[in-house]
Each structure stands twice: as C-alpha cells, then as structure tokens.
Amino acid sequence: MADLRFGIIGWGYWGPKIARNLDSIAHATVTAVADMDKHRVALLAGQQPGLQVTSQVEELLCSDVDAVVIATPVRTHYALAKQALLHGKHVLVEKPLTASVAEAEELVALARQVDRVLMVGHTFEYSPAVNELRKLVQSGELGKIYCVEAERVNLGLFRRDINVIWDLAPHDVSILLYLFGQLPEQVQVQANAHLLPPIHDVAHLDLGFPDGMTAHIHVSWLHPCKLRRVTVIGDARMVVYDDTNPAEMIKIYNKGADVNADPVVSYRHGAITIPHIDWIEPLRLECEDFIRAILTGTPPRASGEVGLSVVRVLAAAQDALNQQLHTLVSDTIPA
C-alpha cells in the first residue's frame, strides 16, 4: 500500500503534535509544511532537510500531498479549508471548524460535492475516558440524566483573535453532543471581559436539551487551578470525568436522591467505582480515524457535520451574549 502524503498548514502548537502522530502510523507520512513565519520555516528546513517547507500555502496545495491538516487561527479556517478542498485534498481542521455557521455549512457542502473527507479536531471525542463515559450514558447505567456540569479553566493562554467561548467551549460542547447525540434547544450565556475588553475571558454557558436535561459549561482563562472536568448527574448513578487525573479519570458514584411518597427526599450513599481504562493518546486515535476515512470512505467520528453542529452551538452562545450586551447598552441610553 502506498503511503498517504500529508501536508501541515501551521507549525505552531498543534502542527508538530499532529505531524508526530501521523508519522508514527503505518502508510502515512508528513511530506510538506507551510507556515507564514519565515524564521520558523527556515528553522524547520534546517532540522528536517527531507521535508518540503514553504511560507506559501499555495505551494503546498499544488504539491502531491493527499490530505492537509489546518492548524492555524480560527479566522483562517474557512478560507484555507475551502482552498484545500478545491485542490482536491482531504482536510482535517483544528477546532472549531469555522467562525460562523454559514462558513461551516459551505465547507460541509463543498466536501460532499468534491467527494473529500472533511474532519474537525475534536480530540476529546477520541479520548478513551470520554468513550468510557459515553458507554455509561448510552447503556442507561446512570439512569435518567438530570444535568451535566463541565469546567475547563486555567490561568491562560490568553487569545487576542477569539474569546474564551470559541477557544475552550468547543471541547465541552463536542463532548456533550458526542455523549448524548442531541443539540440543545436553548442557550444562555454570562461572560466577562476583565483583561482586554471586549475579549471575554470568563464565560458560563447554560444549555437546555429537548429531553429536559440541562448542562452548564464554565470556561475561563483566569483561574488559579487547571481543571478539565465533566460531571454527569443521573438518577441512578453519578460520574466524574477528570482529564487531569490520569490514575482516576472516571469515577462512578453509587449516589443519588429519591423522593418518597410523603414526599420526603432521601439520599443514597454507595461505593465509588474506578474502571480500568486502556489509555491511547487521543490525538493518535484522531489521526488514525482521519486515515481510515480517507482509505475507506467511511465518515470519521468528528466529521464536518459534527463540526458544523458544534459551531451552531457556539454561534448561538455568541448571539445570546451579543443580545445581552445590546440590551445593556440600550438600557443606559437616556430617554
């Protein structure tokens, strides 16, 4: 089998990590890299002389690569992905897919039209721990799901091109959609821009789902502790997924509350179960899925359609935030 040739557009934080994983998979090799930083390009060319390195994206797209990975700022995703698809390349775009619903819809339609794979870097959908959590949810072991609480906070990294919602919330939104297979019908937002207005650095999203389940997402660049935690509250059991605790990523609590006939609320306190999880780097599994989709034509787990759904939720959150800000400004204008 001939190797699939991959090009990486953007050699910042994610580009080298994705390249490392692609190069470690049989029948896949990274042959070209494009980055606008000419110093970075020169440095990489010296380190890997066999690699085609350029500061011109068009040069990479006109090469013999079969697929490209776009690891650049969000504002560039739409134009670069569209250009790559029109050059006949399969495309993996880092999250979120685009900065607007209209752009995401166009890319999904274009990928279908040119018969190329369009995939999004929703890496947590490939996490063995998240997949264990999904099994618990889908099997009914947790019972009726009341609510979900997600926290993704840390001190930094501050972004000037997007706010904290578009930077961090894609992870938890993609996890929620993957766990439950449904879009929220209501989105409410509270956010603050403490450091560099109007860029919001702390946000709280409240999502309401058709079956009555609710979800709260807290994202922040201004927090003393690094937390990546999802808590699922069911009427039979409760689960905490903690991505920062490798030894105990999933904890199943045999706890709950019941309403008696009186009505009186009684509480159950049972054992805590920590299932064994065979760990594989999620980014490697994501790259394997991209390769599999290219070779077989089977849609990847984090397909363009999935990316579009996540962008729909993010856009609804941004719209809700904009409406709040508009109302607040309006209320301060004298009669």
Foldseek 3Di string as FASTA:
>chain_A
DAAAEEEEEDDDDCRVVLQVLQCVDPSYHYAEYEYLPVVVQVVVCVVDVRHHYYPDLVVVLPDPHQAYEYDDDQQCQLVSLVVSVVSNHAYEYEPQNHQALVSLVVSVVSCVVSVHFYFYPLLVLLWLLLVVVLCCLVVCVLPAWAEKEWEFEAQDDDDDPAAQCRVPVLNVLLSVCSSPVFAFPDKAKDFDDDPDPPRTFWMWIWTAHPVNYIYIYTYGNDDHDGWTWMWIHGQQWIWIATPVDVVQRIKIWRKHWDADPVGDIDIDGDDIDGDDTDGDRSSSVQSVQSVCCRVPVDHGPRGSVSSSSSNVNSVSHVVNVVVVVVVVVVVPDDD
